[in-house]
Protein backbone atom coordinates (compact mmCIF):
# COMPACT_ATOMS: atom_id res chain seq x y z
CA UNK A 1 0.02 0.03 0.03
CA UNK A 2 1.68 3.54 -1.19
CA UNK A 3 1.29 5.75 1.46
CA UNK A 4 -0.42 9.18 0.97
CA UNK A 5 2.60 11.08 2.06
CA UNK A 6 5.38 11.62 -0.46
CA UNK A 7 7.94 9.13 0.41
CA UNK A 8 11.63 8.04 -0.82
CA UNK A 9 11.52 4.53 -2.07
CA UNK A 10 14.91 2.87 -2.10
CA UNK A 11 15.93 -0.42 -3.78
CA UNK A 12 13.65 -0.30 -6.87
CA UNK A 13 16.53 0.40 -9.77
CA UNK A 14 18.88 -2.09 -8.85
CA UNK A 15 17.96 -4.17 -12.02
CA UNK A 16 17.59 -1.33 -14.41
CA UNK A 17 20.61 -1.53 -17.02
CA UNK A 18 20.01 2.61 -16.90
CA UNK A 19 21.57 2.43 -13.68
CA UNK A 20 24.28 -0.24 -13.83
CA UNK A 21 26.68 2.30 -13.29
CA UNK A 22 25.79 5.13 -10.89
CA UNK A 23 26.76 8.84 -12.14
CA UNK A 24 27.70 7.40 -15.42
CA UNK A 25 25.28 5.61 -16.69
CA UNK A 26 22.24 8.04 -18.48
CA UNK A 27 24.61 11.05 -17.65
CA UNK A 28 24.53 13.46 -20.12
CA UNK A 29 27.64 12.54 -21.58
CA UNK A 30 26.65 8.96 -21.70
CA UNK A 31 23.19 9.99 -23.48
CA UNK A 32 25.17 11.93 -26.13
CA UNK A 33 26.94 9.27 -27.57
CA UNK A 34 24.31 6.50 -27.64
CA UNK A 35 21.74 9.02 -29.22
CA UNK A 36 23.56 11.22 -31.48
CA UNK A 37 20.73 12.57 -34.03
CA UNK A 38 17.67 12.24 -31.68
CA UNK A 39 16.41 15.35 -30.84
CA UNK A 40 14.87 15.90 -27.28
CA UNK A 41 12.51 18.77 -26.00
CA UNK A 42 13.33 21.85 -23.62
CA UNK A 43 11.37 22.96 -20.99
CA UNK A 44 11.77 26.99 -21.39
CA UNK A 45 12.27 27.97 -17.49
CA UNK A 46 9.86 30.37 -15.82
CA UNK A 47 6.84 32.28 -17.36
CA UNK A 48 7.06 30.33 -20.39
CA UNK A 49 7.84 26.99 -19.34
CA UNK A 50 4.34 25.52 -19.77
CA UNK A 51 3.91 27.38 -22.73
CA UNK A 52 7.05 26.18 -24.54
CA UNK A 53 7.07 22.83 -23.49
CA UNK A 54 8.22 20.57 -26.51
CA UNK A 55 8.63 23.35 -28.90
CA UNK A 56 12.09 23.74 -28.52
CA UNK A 57 14.47 20.85 -29.50
CA UNK A 58 18.28 19.81 -29.21
CA UNK A 59 19.99 17.12 -29.57
CA UNK A 60 21.55 15.37 -26.37
CA UNK A 61 25.14 16.37 -27.64
CA UNK A 62 24.06 20.17 -27.83
CA UNK A 63 22.45 20.05 -24.32
CA UNK A 64 25.67 18.14 -22.78
CA UNK A 65 27.53 21.05 -24.25
CA UNK A 66 25.29 23.53 -22.90
CA UNK A 67 25.80 21.80 -19.47
CA UNK A 68 29.64 21.71 -19.53
CA UNK A 69 29.97 25.70 -21.10
CA UNK A 70 28.91 27.11 -18.26
CA UNK A 71 26.61 29.18 -20.69
CA UNK A 72 23.72 27.64 -18.22
CA UNK A 73 25.15 29.85 -15.65
CA UNK A 74 24.08 33.00 -17.12
CA UNK A 75 20.54 32.04 -17.25
CA UNK A 76 17.75 32.87 -14.77
CA UNK A 77 16.25 29.30 -15.19
CA UNK A 78 18.48 27.00 -17.06
CA UNK A 79 16.75 24.77 -19.62
CA UNK A 80 15.79 21.55 -19.02
CA UNK A 81 15.17 18.85 -21.25
CA UNK A 82 11.89 17.02 -20.55
CA UNK A 83 11.06 14.49 -23.37
CA UNK A 84 8.70 11.64 -23.62
CA UNK A 85 9.52 9.96 -27.07
CA UNK A 86 13.21 9.17 -26.09
CA UNK A 87 11.96 6.74 -23.64
CA UNK A 88 10.24 4.53 -26.31
CA UNK A 89 13.58 3.91 -28.70
CA UNK A 90 14.83 0.83 -28.62
CA UNK A 91 17.99 1.53 -26.38
CA UNK A 92 15.61 3.40 -23.73
CA UNK A 93 12.93 0.90 -23.39
CA UNK A 94 15.22 -1.64 -22.57
CA UNK A 95 16.87 -0.32 -19.84
CA UNK A 96 14.29 0.80 -17.33
CA UNK A 97 11.06 -1.18 -16.15
CA UNK A 98 7.99 0.39 -14.12
CA UNK A 99 8.29 -0.98 -10.52
CA UNK A 100 5.45 -3.77 -9.35
CA UNK A 101 3.80 -1.01 -7.25
CA UNK A 102 3.21 1.31 -9.83
CA UNK A 103 2.14 -1.26 -12.46
CA UNK A 104 -1.77 -0.67 -12.14
CA UNK A 105 -2.71 2.49 -13.66
CA UNK A 106 -6.19 2.33 -13.71
CA UNK A 107 -6.76 5.58 -16.08
CA UNK A 108 -4.42 4.44 -18.65
CA UNK A 109 -7.00 3.85 -21.02
CA UNK A 110 -7.56 7.89 -21.31
CA UNK A 111 -3.77 8.49 -22.09
CA UNK A 112 -4.02 10.99 -25.01
CA UNK A 113 -7.14 11.76 -24.76
CA UNK A 114 -8.43 15.76 -23.42
CA UNK A 115 -8.35 14.04 -20.30
CA UNK A 116 -5.20 13.41 -19.92
CA UNK A 117 -3.22 14.69 -22.88
CA UNK A 118 0.12 14.54 -21.39
CA UNK A 119 2.44 11.58 -22.15
CA UNK A 120 2.73 9.44 -18.82
CA UNK A 121 6.33 9.05 -18.85
CA UNK A 122 9.37 11.79 -19.42
CA UNK A 123 13.14 11.77 -19.47
CA UNK A 124 14.26 14.56 -17.55
CA UNK A 125 18.09 15.89 -18.10
CA UNK A 126 18.72 19.09 -16.27
CA UNK A 127 21.93 21.17 -15.31
CA UNK A 128 22.68 22.44 -12.37
CA UNK A 129 20.23 25.13 -10.68
CA UNK A 130 17.22 24.26 -13.30
CA UNK A 131 14.32 22.90 -11.90
CA UNK A 132 10.63 22.35 -12.29
CA UNK A 133 8.45 25.62 -10.85
CA UNK A 134 5.66 25.08 -8.31
CA UNK A 135 2.72 22.59 -9.46
CA UNK A 136 0.70 19.84 -8.64
CA UNK A 137 -0.99 16.86 -10.11
CA UNK A 138 -4.65 16.75 -9.16
CA UNK A 139 -5.50 13.47 -11.17
CA UNK A 140 -2.75 11.24 -10.85
CA UNK A 141 0.15 10.11 -8.69
CA UNK A 142 3.91 10.51 -9.71
CA UNK A 143 7.06 8.44 -9.28
CA UNK A 144 10.44 9.75 -10.21
CA UNK A 145 13.64 7.84 -10.46
CA UNK A 146 17.06 9.46 -9.95
CA UNK A 147 19.88 7.73 -12.02
CA UNK A 148 22.54 10.89 -11.91
CA UNK A 149 23.20 14.16 -9.79
CA UNK A 150 20.72 15.03 -6.90
CA UNK A 151 17.67 16.89 -6.50
CA UNK A 152 16.19 19.23 -3.55
CA UNK A 153 12.37 19.00 -3.61
CA UNK A 154 10.12 20.68 -1.61
CA UNK A 155 6.42 18.98 -1.36
CA UNK A 156 3.13 20.89 -0.01
CA UNK A 157 -0.06 19.03 0.88
CA UNK A 158 -3.42 19.38 -1.25
CA UNK A 159 -4.83 22.20 1.40
CA UNK A 160 -1.92 23.96 2.05
CA UNK A 161 -2.32 27.97 2.78
CA UNK A 162 -2.18 29.35 -0.97
CA UNK A 163 -0.39 32.50 0.14
CA UNK A 164 2.66 29.89 0.05
CA UNK A 165 2.47 29.24 -3.42
CA UNK A 166 2.08 32.71 -4.36
CA UNK A 167 5.46 34.23 -3.30
CA UNK A 168 6.02 36.78 -5.59
CA UNK A 169 2.21 37.77 -5.94
CA UNK A 170 2.30 41.59 -4.82
CA UNK A 171 5.25 42.06 -7.53
CA UNK A 172 3.41 40.37 -9.89
CA UNK A 173 0.45 42.44 -9.68
CA UNK A 174 2.49 45.66 -9.60
CA UNK A 175 4.35 44.40 -12.91
CA UNK A 176 1.41 43.16 -14.48
CA UNK A 177 -0.80 46.52 -14.12
CA UNK A 178 2.02 48.08 -16.19
CA UNK A 179 2.21 45.43 -18.55
CA UNK A 180 -1.15 44.27 -19.08
CA UNK A 181 -0.58 40.91 -18.80
CA UNK A 182 -1.25 38.57 -15.52
CA UNK A 183 -1.24 35.25 -16.89
CA UNK A 184 -0.09 32.20 -14.81
CA UNK A 185 1.75 35.27 -12.81
CA UNK A 186 1.87 33.54 -9.16
CA UNK A 187 3.23 30.22 -10.68
CA UNK A 188 6.10 32.07 -12.58
CA UNK A 189 8.91 31.59 -9.97
CA UNK A 190 11.99 29.54 -11.35
CA UNK A 191 12.67 26.60 -8.46
CA UNK A 192 15.96 28.45 -7.49
CA UNK A 193 14.05 31.44 -6.68
CA UNK A 194 11.27 29.65 -5.34
CA UNK A 195 14.01 28.28 -2.60
CA UNK A 196 15.42 31.97 -2.16
CA UNK A 197 12.17 33.34 -1.56
CA UNK A 198 10.33 30.71 0.34
CA UNK A 199 11.30 31.40 4.23
CA UNK A 200 9.67 29.01 6.59
CA UNK A 201 7.97 26.46 5.28
CA UNK A 202 5.07 24.70 7.17
CA UNK A 203 5.56 21.75 9.46
CA UNK A 204 3.15 20.00 7.00
CA UNK A 205 5.48 20.45 4.00
CA UNK A 206 7.98 17.38 3.16
CA UNK A 207 11.65 18.08 2.31
CA UNK A 208 13.53 15.93 0.00
CA UNK A 209 17.01 15.55 -0.80
CA UNK A 210 16.93 12.64 -3.53
CA UNK A 211 19.98 11.01 -4.23
CA UNK A 212 21.04 8.55 -7.28
CA UNK A 213 18.78 5.06 -7.40
CA UNK A 214 16.11 6.93 -5.39
CA UNK A 215 12.50 6.97 -5.95
CA UNK A 216 10.50 9.92 -4.98
CA UNK A 217 6.79 9.01 -4.56
CA UNK A 218 4.04 12.28 -4.71
CA UNK A 219 0.54 11.48 -4.02
CA UNK A 220 -1.79 13.06 -6.16
CA UNK A 221 -2.58 16.85 -5.06
CA UNK A 222 0.36 17.56 -3.51
CA UNK A 223 2.12 20.56 -4.88
CA UNK A 224 6.12 20.67 -5.25
CA UNK A 225 8.71 22.37 -6.42
CA UNK A 226 11.92 20.59 -7.73
CA UNK A 227 15.74 22.09 -8.08
CA UNK A 228 18.76 20.31 -9.63
CA UNK A 229 21.53 21.00 -7.11
CA UNK A 230 23.90 18.78 -9.34
CA UNK A 231 23.21 18.16 -13.16
CA UNK A 232 20.85 15.28 -13.15
CA UNK A 233 19.02 12.76 -15.22
CA UNK A 234 15.60 11.08 -14.28
CA UNK A 235 12.72 9.37 -15.48
CA UNK A 236 9.44 10.93 -14.30
CA UNK A 237 6.00 8.79 -14.43
CA UNK A 238 2.42 9.79 -13.98
CA UNK A 239 -0.42 7.30 -13.12
CA UNK A 240 -3.48 7.17 -11.29
CA UNK A 241 -4.34 4.38 -8.55
CA UNK A 242 -8.07 2.90 -7.67
CA UNK A 243 -7.88 4.06 -4.60
CA UNK A 244 -8.06 8.03 -5.86
CA UNK A 245 -10.98 7.10 -8.29
CA UNK A 246 -13.51 8.70 -6.03
CA UNK A 247 -11.35 11.76 -6.38
CA UNK A 248 -10.31 11.79 -9.81
CA UNK A 249 -13.56 10.97 -11.39
CA UNK A 250 -15.65 13.70 -10.03
CA UNK A 251 -12.91 15.88 -11.20
CA UNK A 252 -13.00 14.58 -14.85
CA UNK A 253 -16.65 15.33 -15.18
CA UNK A 254 -16.16 19.51 -14.10
């Protein structure tokens, strides 16, 4: 039985070829050598992250150079590989598997529909200081398997005081009034900036430092922000558990 709060699971990746040589296998350098022509999608960072998803594409060799050149150090929110397609390629699909505790996605039949338009599984490769802004998954749980690097998570429960999610609201409202734009202003802080501004988090928050070989499990509805403390590679997968159907089904009909 999976818990109802975020947790770190261990021992699930020991048989994965993708985790054969921790820190080296599936590093940006390793992936660049093994996928010389494939182009992967980029997440653009705050403000335009959700709008730009999968619009920009690079080879993993180009992204490796971005990681190594120091160019990312000058970016407020460094670019982040966020790609679903490469996980279905021949080399990748043979190197990882779904842990048994996550094998039953009861809503898998609606993948690709208007109710679950995004692919369920993603390859994440992020240079140091890149990350995912604060957000939640109201319809799905998620598991994130870290192969390389280190991630810092802050997870907040579904009933958290919303003021903790709108850290830059006053400044954003002032800026929006002058620019005429207020689209998703409350979710536009980069992961790095969120951690700089968050101050003291509530006791209900879960702070996780994720290391290679660990799987972070996130229940449905939990808000989370994730920072790549080191250049990292991970696989992230979403699914719906049977126990969550009483909550999920009404949301789908709204």
